[in-house]
Amino acid sequence: MATFFRSANLASRVFDRQFLSPRPGATVNTVRQFYENLVPSYTICDIDCPDYSFRKFTDDGNYLVAFSRNHQDLIVYRPIWPTFSCNEPCDSHDLPPKAKKFDSFFKQLYSISLASSNEYICKDFFLYMECHQFGLFATSTAQSNDSSATEGAIHGVPSIEKITFYLVRLDDGAILDEKAFRNDFINLAHSIGAYLYEDLLCIVSLRYQTIHVLQIRDSGNLVEVRKIGAFCQEDDELFLHSHGQAARGVSFLPGIKQRLLSFIFRKTWNEESDQTLRVQHLKKKFYFHFQDYVDLIIWKVSRSTEQNLAFFAVYNMETTDIVSLYQNSSEELYSLFEYFYDHFHTNPQNSSHGNFISSHSNNVHALDQLRTIKNKANSTSQFVKKMMASLPYTCQSQSPSPYFDLSLFRYDEKLISAIDRHRHCTEHPIKFISVKQPNVVKFKIKPGSDSGASDSRAKRISSFLFHPFFPLALSIQQTYMQPTVVNLHFRR
């Protein structure tokens, strides 16, 4: 079969598409090759836009989510495309002033108040349920480091008086349900403290070392279906009370901690077959580190995976068993990470664009980059620990934009990448270079003012919001004690 799209000409590619069919299962990847020609070609610097904190595009491209600067209100936009006419050929003229405004590209759907006077919206937290177009947001009161000792709470973990999760229908802004946690601590930064998979939402209480599993019903209700922590089975608490253990004030380790200790004990026991040496082996490998194991805390979850400070535990919610345990320097875990990355970063099955995010398990160019970094590392052990520090992956933290597809474009990942994080600003534009034509720069993205007159001593950070399929992006530059500069990049 002839190779698709031999020509770099867009019209020629459209004609080729009429006569050639892609290999089975390769339709979407074939269509994405069109983006080599459909690139952002025009930039509106410092666009006239509202003074909001822009969060991200939803993965289906229908909404742009923003928050007010006082972190009280949620504002949702729908992307549109500007239309204008000229008396003369438009290519010879700059855009008219009206077309250079933010509302020429985005239509505000609504603005609703989520937070009360003493609460604030967490601007880094947002999860999206594409099948129902539900958005999950979080508000919280101020953090207190002088939290009083409470039964079941971990010593030294700060407390937040109230944390509230809101389920919002993004189509009309209706608040469908909410779930509040009081005198607790949940890490809301970059959505670290929660993971959404299909209709199940896992929320990690760091203060009480509990994983709350909620189901998002089609009706828009948040229903708690399980709590994993002090108890693992639904009837564990009932069993203890019926046997009078709780009444006599008997203290137990949390259920999930007991499961972990049992797994480590059995694993250590089976490592030595000789009965005489087994006792010494247990003393050295298990009992000597027993208190260290007891002091481990749950830090982050991903689907049914639990991460501790130095260990990764895979937990089966149905059987309540620890399936496996890895240290953060495990070569076996790194091998799984390298070859089965997409299983660590699972996207919903019905996601129309999220399933095509480049990774080193589905893209040979990404795998080459990873192995190059590994070969340059001074210590393999330190490299493995550095890679494992990102596990479990934060939910919905990568942009599905085709411009981050490493089989189409190369770019400096220190300056920009699909991962949703702030970056240090650079004085020079960020180049997106064709993979098939290594000497051809397809387009450039430059945050900040086009004048170039900026104080190089001032700390500047930038963030980038790419639409999942339109040739449209926002670059947002923030400089200390200066107004935010928003640039809009699109194909004219």
Protein backbone atom coordinates (compact mmCIF):
# COMPACT_ATOMS: atom_id res chain seq x y z
CA MET A 1 0.00 0.00 0.00
CA ALA A 2 1.23 3.47 -0.80
CA THR A 3 2.50 5.53 2.11
CA PHE A 4 0.03 8.14 3.23
CA PHE A 5 0.72 11.81 2.59
CA ARG A 6 4.01 11.79 0.69
CA SER A 7 3.45 15.43 -0.17
CA ALA A 8 3.79 18.26 2.31
CA ASN A 9 1.06 20.16 0.45
CA LEU A 10 -2.24 20.24 2.34
CA ALA A 11 -4.43 20.14 -0.77
CA SER A 12 -2.48 17.15 -2.07
CA ARG A 13 -3.01 15.36 1.23
CA VAL A 14 -6.76 15.95 1.03
CA PHE A 15 -6.84 14.39 -2.44
CA ASP A 16 -4.75 11.43 -1.22
CA ARG A 17 -7.24 10.83 1.56
CA GLN A 18 -10.01 10.36 -1.01
CA PHE A 19 -8.24 7.49 -2.79
CA LEU A 20 -6.21 5.77 -0.06
CA SER A 21 -7.39 4.11 3.12
CA PRO A 22 -5.22 3.76 6.25
CA ARG A 23 -4.27 0.47 7.86
CA PRO A 24 -6.89 -0.99 10.24
CA GLY A 25 -6.74 0.78 13.57
CA ALA A 26 -4.54 3.60 12.24
CA THR A 27 -7.24 6.03 11.07
CA VAL A 28 -6.85 8.60 13.85
CA ASN A 29 -3.04 8.59 13.73
CA THR A 30 -3.23 9.02 9.95
CA VAL A 31 -5.60 11.96 10.24
CA ARG A 32 -3.34 13.57 12.84
CA GLN A 33 -0.64 13.86 10.17
CA PHE A 34 -2.71 16.71 8.73
CA TYR A 35 -1.52 18.82 11.67
CA GLU A 36 1.93 19.01 10.10
CA ASN A 37 0.31 21.54 7.76
CA LEU A 38 -2.41 22.90 10.08
CA VAL A 39 -0.29 24.82 12.59
CA PRO A 40 -0.77 28.06 14.53
CA SER A 41 0.58 30.68 12.13
CA TYR A 42 -0.47 33.96 13.75
CA THR A 43 -0.07 35.42 17.23
CA ILE A 44 -2.09 38.15 18.91
CA CYS A 45 0.18 39.47 21.63
CA ASP A 46 -1.26 40.75 24.90
CA ILE A 47 -4.83 40.11 23.73
CA ASP A 48 -7.59 42.20 25.25
CA CYS A 49 -9.13 39.68 27.66
CA PRO A 50 -10.76 39.57 31.11
CA ASP A 51 -8.45 39.44 34.11
CA TYR A 52 -9.15 35.79 34.93
CA SER A 53 -7.01 32.80 35.79
CA PHE A 54 -7.39 30.48 32.80
CA ARG A 55 -7.17 26.81 33.83
CA LYS A 56 -7.48 24.52 30.79
CA PHE A 57 -9.50 23.30 27.83
CA THR A 58 -11.61 20.23 28.43
CA ASP A 59 -10.37 17.16 26.57
CA ASP A 60 -13.33 17.23 24.17
CA GLY A 61 -12.54 20.85 23.27
CA ASN A 62 -16.01 22.14 24.15
CA TYR A 63 -15.08 24.36 27.10
CA LEU A 64 -12.37 26.65 28.43
CA VAL A 65 -12.42 26.80 32.23
CA ALA A 66 -11.33 29.93 34.12
CA PHE A 67 -11.51 31.32 37.66
CA SER A 68 -11.84 34.86 38.94
CA ARG A 69 -8.77 36.46 40.46
CA ASN A 70 -10.34 36.45 43.94
CA HIS A 71 -10.84 32.66 43.56
CA GLN A 72 -14.56 32.91 44.24
CA ASP A 73 -16.18 32.46 40.82
CA LEU A 74 -16.10 29.86 38.06
CA ILE A 75 -16.24 31.18 34.49
CA VAL A 76 -16.74 28.84 31.52
CA TYR A 77 -16.22 29.74 27.84
CA ARG A 78 -16.98 27.95 24.60
CA PRO A 79 -14.29 28.24 21.88
CA ILE A 80 -15.54 29.83 18.65
CA TRP A 81 -13.73 30.92 15.51
CA PRO A 82 -13.56 34.60 14.48
CA THR A 83 -15.25 35.67 11.26
CA PHE A 84 -14.69 38.99 9.54
CA SER A 85 -14.69 40.42 6.03
CA CYS A 86 -12.42 42.81 4.16
CA ASN A 87 -13.00 45.02 1.13
CA GLU A 88 -9.60 43.97 -0.18
CA PRO A 89 -7.76 40.62 0.00
CA CYS A 90 -7.49 39.88 3.71
CA ASP A 91 -4.05 38.31 3.55
CA SER A 92 -2.51 41.69 2.79
CA HIS A 93 -3.94 43.29 5.91
CA ASP A 94 -3.60 42.84 9.60
CA LEU A 95 -6.61 41.58 11.52
CA PRO A 96 -9.25 44.22 12.24
CA PRO A 97 -9.26 45.48 15.86
CA LYS A 98 -12.50 43.66 16.69
CA ALA A 99 -11.02 40.31 15.66
CA LYS A 100 -8.11 40.82 18.06
CA LYS A 101 -10.31 40.66 21.14
CA PHE A 102 -10.70 37.65 23.37
CA ASP A 103 -14.46 37.42 22.90
CA SER A 104 -13.94 36.97 19.15
CA PHE A 105 -12.48 33.55 19.93
CA PHE A 106 -14.38 32.60 23.10
CA LYS A 107 -18.00 32.99 24.08
CA GLN A 108 -18.71 33.23 27.80
CA LEU A 109 -21.42 30.75 28.75
CA TYR A 110 -21.84 31.74 32.40
CA SER A 111 -20.16 32.81 35.61
CA ILE A 112 -21.20 31.20 38.89
CA SER A 113 -20.06 31.64 42.48
CA LEU A 114 -18.61 28.48 44.01
CA ALA A 115 -16.79 29.68 47.11
CA SER A 116 -18.19 31.50 50.14
CA SER A 117 -16.51 34.47 51.80
CA ASN A 118 -13.99 32.42 53.79
CA GLU A 119 -13.44 29.76 51.11
CA TYR A 120 -11.38 29.88 47.93
CA ILE A 121 -11.45 27.88 44.71
CA CYS A 122 -8.33 25.77 44.25
CA LYS A 123 -7.21 27.09 40.86
CA ASP A 124 -5.00 24.03 40.19
CA PHE A 125 -7.79 21.51 40.71
CA PHE A 126 -10.13 20.51 37.89
CA LEU A 127 -11.25 17.10 36.63
CA TYR A 128 -13.54 16.49 33.69
CA MET A 129 -15.97 13.65 33.00
CA GLU A 130 -16.27 13.75 29.22
CA CYS A 131 -19.15 11.29 28.78
CA HIS A 132 -21.52 13.53 30.79
CA GLN A 133 -19.66 16.85 30.46
CA PHE A 134 -19.42 17.11 34.25
CA GLY A 135 -16.68 19.18 35.85
CA LEU A 136 -15.29 18.55 39.33
CA PHE A 137 -14.01 21.55 41.27
CA ALA A 138 -12.73 22.09 44.82
CA THR A 139 -12.88 24.91 47.36
CA SER A 140 -11.23 25.13 50.76
CA THR A 141 -10.71 27.38 53.74
CA ALA A 142 -7.25 28.47 54.83
CA GLN A 143 -4.77 25.82 55.97
CA SER A 144 -3.93 25.62 59.67
CA ASN A 145 -0.59 24.20 60.81
CA ASP A 146 -1.57 24.36 64.49
CA SER A 147 -4.09 21.56 64.26
CA SER A 148 -5.10 19.93 67.52
CA ALA A 149 -4.63 16.20 68.06
CA THR A 150 -7.67 14.26 66.88
CA GLU A 151 -8.37 10.56 67.14
CA GLY A 152 -7.28 8.84 63.95
CA ALA A 153 -5.37 11.86 62.60
CA ILE A 154 -1.70 11.63 61.64
CA HIS A 155 0.56 13.80 63.79
CA GLY A 156 2.23 16.64 61.92
CA VAL A 157 -0.21 16.77 59.01
CA PRO A 158 -1.87 20.21 58.76
CA SER A 159 -5.62 20.66 58.87
CA ILE A 160 -8.13 22.51 56.69
CA GLU A 161 -11.42 23.37 58.34
CA LYS A 162 -13.51 22.63 55.25
CA ILE A 163 -12.78 21.18 51.81
CA THR A 164 -15.70 20.93 49.38
CA PHE A 165 -15.85 19.16 46.03
CA TYR A 166 -18.49 20.42 43.58
CA LEU A 167 -19.88 18.51 40.63
CA VAL A 168 -20.93 21.02 37.96
CA ARG A 169 -22.69 20.40 34.65
CA LEU A 170 -20.54 22.49 32.34
CA ASP A 171 -23.24 22.94 29.71
CA ASP A 172 -25.31 25.28 31.90
CA GLY A 173 -23.33 25.70 35.16
CA ALA A 174 -25.79 23.80 37.34
CA ILE A 175 -24.26 22.55 40.61
CA LEU A 176 -25.44 18.94 40.76
CA ASP A 177 -23.89 17.77 44.04
CA GLU A 178 -21.18 18.47 46.58
CA LYS A 179 -19.08 16.53 49.05
CA ALA A 180 -17.49 18.21 52.08
CA PHE A 181 -14.57 17.08 54.25
CA ARG A 182 -14.07 18.84 57.60
CA ASN A 183 -10.86 19.25 59.60
CA ASP A 184 -9.01 17.19 57.04
CA PHE A 185 -6.13 17.65 54.60
CA ILE A 186 -6.35 16.73 50.91
CA ASN A 187 -3.60 17.75 48.50
CA LEU A 188 -5.49 19.76 45.88
CA ALA A 189 -2.46 21.15 44.01
CA HIS A 190 -2.48 19.88 40.41
CA SER A 191 -5.32 17.50 41.39
CA ILE A 192 -2.80 15.29 43.22
CA GLY A 193 -5.24 14.32 45.98
CA ALA A 194 -7.88 12.87 43.66
CA TYR A 195 -8.04 10.47 40.73
CA LEU A 196 -10.95 10.07 38.33
CA TYR A 197 -11.34 6.91 36.28
CA GLU A 198 -14.57 6.35 34.34
CA ASP A 199 -17.28 7.04 36.97
CA LEU A 200 -15.14 6.33 40.06
CA LEU A 201 -13.45 9.14 41.99
CA CYS A 202 -10.74 8.36 44.57
CA ILE A 203 -9.97 11.07 47.14
CA VAL A 204 -7.01 10.68 49.52
CA SER A 205 -7.34 12.04 53.04
CA LEU A 206 -3.74 12.56 54.17
CA ARG A 207 -4.74 13.56 57.69
CA TYR A 208 -6.79 10.42 58.36
CA GLN A 209 -4.99 8.10 55.90
CA THR A 210 -8.22 7.12 54.18
CA ILE A 211 -9.04 6.60 50.51
CA HIS A 212 -12.63 7.68 49.82
CA VAL A 213 -14.07 5.97 46.73
CA LEU A 214 -17.03 7.87 45.26
CA GLN A 215 -19.18 6.98 42.28
CA ILE A 216 -20.46 9.71 39.99
CA ARG A 217 -23.95 8.64 38.97
CA ASP A 218 -25.54 9.53 35.62
CA SER A 219 -27.97 11.72 37.57
CA GLY A 220 -25.06 13.85 38.81
CA ASN A 221 -24.90 12.53 42.37
CA LEU A 222 -21.69 11.82 44.31
CA VAL A 223 -22.21 8.56 46.19
CA GLU A 224 -19.53 7.22 48.55
CA VAL A 225 -19.24 3.50 47.84
CA ARG A 226 -16.21 2.62 49.97
CA LYS A 227 -13.64 3.91 52.44
CA ILE A 228 -10.24 2.25 52.54
CA GLY A 229 -8.09 2.97 55.56
CA ALA A 230 -8.99 1.97 59.10
CA PHE A 231 -11.26 -0.67 57.58
CA CYS A 232 -10.98 -2.49 54.26
CA GLN A 233 -14.11 -4.63 54.08
CA GLU A 234 -17.51 -2.97 54.35
CA ASP A 235 -18.39 -5.01 57.45
CA ASP A 236 -15.03 -4.77 59.27
CA GLU A 237 -16.28 -2.12 61.71
CA LEU A 238 -19.46 -4.07 62.39
CA PHE A 239 -17.42 -7.22 63.08
CA LEU A 240 -15.19 -5.47 65.62
CA HIS A 241 -18.12 -3.90 67.45
CA SER A 242 -20.01 -7.18 67.56
CA HIS A 243 -17.04 -8.84 69.25
CA GLY A 244 -16.65 -6.03 71.76
CA GLN A 245 -13.13 -5.13 70.69
CA ALA A 246 -13.84 -1.44 70.28
CA ALA A 247 -15.66 -1.22 73.59
CA ARG A 248 -12.65 -2.55 75.51
CA GLY A 249 -10.49 0.16 73.96
CA VAL A 250 -8.25 -2.26 72.10
CA SER A 251 -6.05 -0.37 69.62
CA PHE A 252 -5.52 -1.76 66.13
CA LEU A 253 -3.38 -0.72 63.22
CA PRO A 254 -5.46 0.52 60.28
CA GLY A 255 -6.76 -2.27 58.10
CA ILE A 256 -4.78 -1.29 55.03
CA LYS A 257 -1.59 -1.07 57.11
CA GLN A 258 -2.22 -4.59 58.44
CA ARG A 259 -2.64 -5.81 54.87
CA LEU A 260 0.68 -4.21 53.96
CA LEU A 261 2.55 -5.72 56.93
CA SER A 262 1.06 -9.16 56.21
CA PHE A 263 2.21 -8.96 52.60
CA ILE A 264 5.76 -7.95 53.58
CA PHE A 265 5.90 -10.71 56.20
CA ARG A 266 4.76 -13.43 53.77
CA LYS A 267 7.10 -12.15 51.07
CA THR A 268 10.06 -12.17 53.47
CA TRP A 269 9.06 -15.61 54.80
CA ASN A 270 9.00 -17.14 51.32
CA GLU A 271 12.40 -15.68 50.38
CA GLU A 272 14.18 -18.21 52.63
CA SER A 273 13.28 -21.91 52.49
CA ASP A 274 15.66 -23.13 55.22
CA GLN A 275 13.80 -23.14 58.56
CA THR A 276 16.94 -22.28 60.58
CA LEU A 277 17.92 -19.32 58.41
CA ARG A 278 14.34 -18.13 57.98
CA VAL A 279 14.14 -16.71 61.53
CA GLN A 280 17.33 -14.72 61.06
CA HIS A 281 16.11 -13.53 57.68
CA LEU A 282 12.84 -12.32 59.23
CA LYS A 283 14.69 -10.48 61.98
CA LYS A 284 16.94 -8.74 59.48
CA LYS A 285 14.43 -7.96 56.73
CA PHE A 286 11.13 -7.58 58.58
CA TYR A 287 11.33 -7.05 62.35
CA PHE A 288 14.32 -4.70 62.17
CA HIS A 289 12.30 -2.39 59.84
CA PHE A 290 8.94 -3.08 61.44
CA GLN A 291 8.47 0.43 62.88
CA ASP A 292 9.51 1.97 59.56
CA TYR A 293 6.77 0.00 57.83
CA VAL A 294 4.24 1.02 60.49
CA ASP A 295 5.17 4.70 60.02
CA LEU A 296 4.57 4.65 56.24
CA ILE A 297 1.75 6.91 55.09
CA ILE A 298 -0.46 6.92 52.01
CA TRP A 299 0.49 9.89 49.87
CA LYS A 300 -1.14 9.48 46.47
CA VAL A 301 -3.42 7.09 44.56
CA SER A 302 -3.98 6.24 40.94
CA ARG A 303 -6.94 3.99 40.25
CA SER A 304 -6.18 1.12 42.67
CA THR A 305 -2.52 1.98 43.24
CA GLU A 306 -1.17 3.36 46.51
CA GLN A 307 2.15 5.19 46.79
CA ASN A 308 4.17 5.58 49.96
CA LEU A 309 7.26 7.72 50.49
CA ALA A 310 9.64 4.95 49.45
CA PHE A 311 7.33 2.19 48.26
CA PHE A 312 4.64 1.57 45.68
CA ALA A 313 1.87 -0.83 46.70
CA VAL A 314 -0.70 -2.31 44.33
CA TYR A 315 -3.96 -2.87 46.21
CA ASN A 316 -6.96 -4.90 45.05
CA MET A 317 -10.13 -3.18 46.27
CA GLU A 318 -12.30 -6.27 45.72
CA THR A 319 -10.19 -8.81 47.65
CA THR A 320 -8.61 -6.14 49.96
CA ASP A 321 -5.21 -7.73 49.34
CA ILE A 322 -1.87 -6.10 48.63
CA VAL A 323 -0.96 -7.59 45.26
CA SER A 324 2.64 -6.40 45.02
CA LEU A 325 5.08 -4.00 46.62
CA TYR A 326 8.01 -2.19 45.00
CA GLN A 327 10.71 0.10 46.31
CA ASN A 328 11.17 3.36 44.43
CA SER A 329 14.50 2.06 43.08
CA SER A 330 13.03 -1.18 41.72
CA GLU A 331 14.41 -2.14 38.30
CA GLU A 332 11.38 -4.41 37.81
CA LEU A 333 8.97 -1.52 38.34
CA TYR A 334 11.00 0.71 36.03
CA SER A 335 10.83 -1.98 33.32
CA LEU A 336 7.04 -2.01 33.66
CA PHE A 337 7.06 1.79 33.56
CA GLU A 338 9.13 1.83 30.37
CA TYR A 339 7.20 -0.76 28.40
CA PHE A 340 3.68 -0.32 29.80
CA TYR A 341 3.57 3.41 30.54
CA ASP A 342 0.02 3.82 29.24
CA HIS A 343 -1.26 1.43 31.93
CA PHE A 344 0.08 3.82 34.57
CA HIS A 345 -1.65 6.73 32.87
CA THR A 346 -4.98 5.24 31.88
CA ASN A 347 -7.47 7.47 30.08
CA PRO A 348 -11.22 6.82 29.93
CA GLN A 349 -12.13 4.31 27.24
CA ASN A 350 -14.55 6.72 25.57
CA SER A 351 -12.09 9.64 25.49
CA SER A 352 -12.03 10.93 21.91
CA HIS A 353 -8.56 12.51 22.12
CA GLY A 354 -6.91 11.47 25.40
CA ASN A 355 -6.03 7.99 24.11
CA PHE A 356 -3.55 9.45 21.61
CA ILE A 357 -1.15 11.16 24.02
CA SER A 358 2.47 10.32 23.12
CA SER A 359 4.41 8.14 25.54
CA HIS A 360 7.51 5.95 25.45
CA SER A 361 5.33 2.84 25.33
CA ASN A 362 3.45 3.89 22.19
CA ASN A 363 5.92 6.21 20.43
CA VAL A 364 9.40 5.23 19.29
CA HIS A 365 10.61 8.85 19.38
CA ALA A 366 9.59 9.23 23.05
CA LEU A 367 11.26 5.90 23.87
CA ASP A 368 14.50 7.04 22.21
CA GLN A 369 14.43 10.24 24.29
CA LEU A 370 13.92 8.30 27.52
CA ARG A 371 16.75 5.87 26.78
CA THR A 372 19.07 8.71 25.80
CA ILE A 373 18.44 10.39 29.16
CA LYS A 374 18.98 7.06 30.93
CA ASN A 375 22.31 6.46 29.15
CA LYS A 376 23.53 9.94 30.11
CA ALA A 377 22.61 9.51 33.78
CA ASN A 378 25.56 9.17 36.18
CA SER A 379 23.70 6.68 38.36
CA THR A 380 21.10 4.21 37.11
CA SER A 381 19.63 3.91 40.60
CA GLN A 382 19.16 7.68 40.92
CA PHE A 383 17.67 7.83 37.43
CA VAL A 384 15.13 5.12 38.32
CA LYS A 385 14.19 6.95 41.54
CA LYS A 386 13.74 10.17 39.58
CA MET A 387 11.42 8.47 37.08
CA MET A 388 9.47 6.69 39.82
CA ALA A 389 8.92 9.98 41.68
CA SER A 390 6.21 10.83 39.16
CA LEU A 391 4.17 7.70 39.96
CA PRO A 392 1.27 7.33 40.31
CA TYR A 393 0.56 9.86 37.59
CA THR A 394 -1.71 12.79 38.29
CA CYS A 395 -5.09 12.41 36.64
CA GLN A 396 -5.75 14.41 33.44
CA SER A 397 -2.40 16.17 33.66
CA GLN A 398 -1.44 15.99 29.96
CA SER A 399 -2.74 17.83 26.94
CA PRO A 400 -4.01 15.63 24.08
CA SER A 401 -3.11 18.29 21.51
CA PRO A 402 -1.55 16.81 18.32
CA TYR A 403 1.17 19.48 18.50
CA PHE A 404 2.69 17.48 21.38
CA ASP A 405 2.69 14.30 19.28
CA LEU A 406 6.36 13.30 19.21
CA SER A 407 5.92 11.46 15.91
CA LEU A 408 4.99 14.80 14.28
CA PHE A 409 6.93 17.53 16.11
CA ARG A 410 10.10 18.01 18.15
CA TYR A 411 10.38 20.72 20.80
CA ASP A 412 12.39 21.55 23.92
CA GLU A 413 10.57 19.75 26.74
CA LYS A 414 12.30 21.96 29.31
CA LEU A 415 10.37 24.91 27.90
CA ILE A 416 7.07 23.31 26.90
CA SER A 417 5.44 19.88 27.01
CA ALA A 418 2.08 18.14 27.22
CA ILE A 419 2.34 18.04 31.03
CA ASP A 420 0.26 20.71 32.74
CA ARG A 421 2.92 22.67 34.66
CA HIS A 422 4.28 26.22 34.86
CA ARG A 423 7.56 26.81 33.04
CA HIS A 424 10.30 29.41 33.28
CA CYS A 425 10.01 31.95 30.48
CA THR A 426 12.59 32.20 27.73
CA GLU A 427 13.62 35.22 25.71
CA HIS A 428 13.37 33.31 22.45
CA PRO A 429 10.36 31.72 20.76
CA ILE A 430 9.78 28.01 21.35
CA LYS A 431 10.27 26.13 18.09
CA PHE A 432 8.17 23.20 16.91
CA ILE A 433 10.28 21.32 14.36
CA SER A 434 9.03 18.72 11.90
CA VAL A 435 10.13 15.15 12.69
CA LYS A 436 10.02 14.13 9.02
CA GLN A 437 11.90 17.26 7.93
CA PRO A 438 14.39 17.92 10.76
CA ASN A 439 15.51 21.28 9.38
CA VAL A 440 12.01 22.71 8.97
CA VAL A 441 10.48 24.82 11.77
CA LYS A 442 6.72 24.37 11.43
CA PHE A 443 5.73 27.12 13.89
CA LYS A 444 6.86 29.06 16.94
CA ILE A 445 5.22 29.95 20.26
CA LYS A 446 6.43 32.97 22.20
CA PRO A 447 4.86 33.96 25.51
CA GLY A 448 4.97 37.55 26.76
CA SER A 449 5.01 40.89 25.05
CA ASP A 450 6.18 41.18 21.44
CA SER A 451 8.14 44.33 22.27
CA GLY A 452 10.85 42.33 24.01
CA ALA A 453 11.25 45.10 26.58
CA SER A 454 11.18 43.10 29.80
CA ASP A 455 13.27 43.11 32.95
CA SER A 456 15.50 40.06 32.68
CA ARG A 457 16.01 40.11 36.46
CA ALA A 458 12.31 39.66 37.18
CA LYS A 459 11.14 36.09 37.69
CA ARG A 460 8.77 35.14 34.87
CA ILE A 461 6.79 31.97 34.52
CA SER A 462 4.57 30.86 31.70
CA SER A 463 1.87 28.29 31.08
CA PHE A 464 0.37 27.02 27.85
CA LEU A 465 -3.19 25.93 27.09
CA PHE A 466 -3.56 24.04 23.80
CA HIS A 467 -6.93 23.18 22.34
CA PRO A 468 -7.20 19.37 21.90
CA PHE A 469 -7.75 19.55 18.13
CA PHE A 470 -8.01 23.16 16.88
CA PRO A 471 -4.79 24.99 15.83
CA LEU A 472 -5.39 27.27 18.81
CA ALA A 473 -3.34 27.93 21.96
CA LEU A 474 -3.04 30.42 24.80
CA SER A 475 0.34 31.33 26.30
CA ILE A 476 0.12 33.05 29.68
CA GLN A 477 3.11 34.88 31.15
CA GLN A 478 3.13 35.99 34.76
CA THR A 479 5.76 38.35 36.12
CA TYR A 480 6.07 39.39 39.75
CA MET A 481 4.26 42.68 40.46
CA GLN A 482 3.27 43.08 36.78
CA PRO A 483 0.06 42.44 34.82
CA THR A 484 -0.44 39.01 33.28
CA VAL A 485 0.23 38.87 29.54
CA VAL A 486 -1.97 36.51 27.49
CA ASN A 487 -1.02 35.73 23.88
CA LEU A 488 -3.32 33.89 21.52
CA HIS A 489 -1.83 31.68 18.82
CA PHE A 490 -4.03 30.39 15.99
CA ARG A 491 -4.08 29.47 12.32
CA ARG A 492 -5.16 32.41 10.22
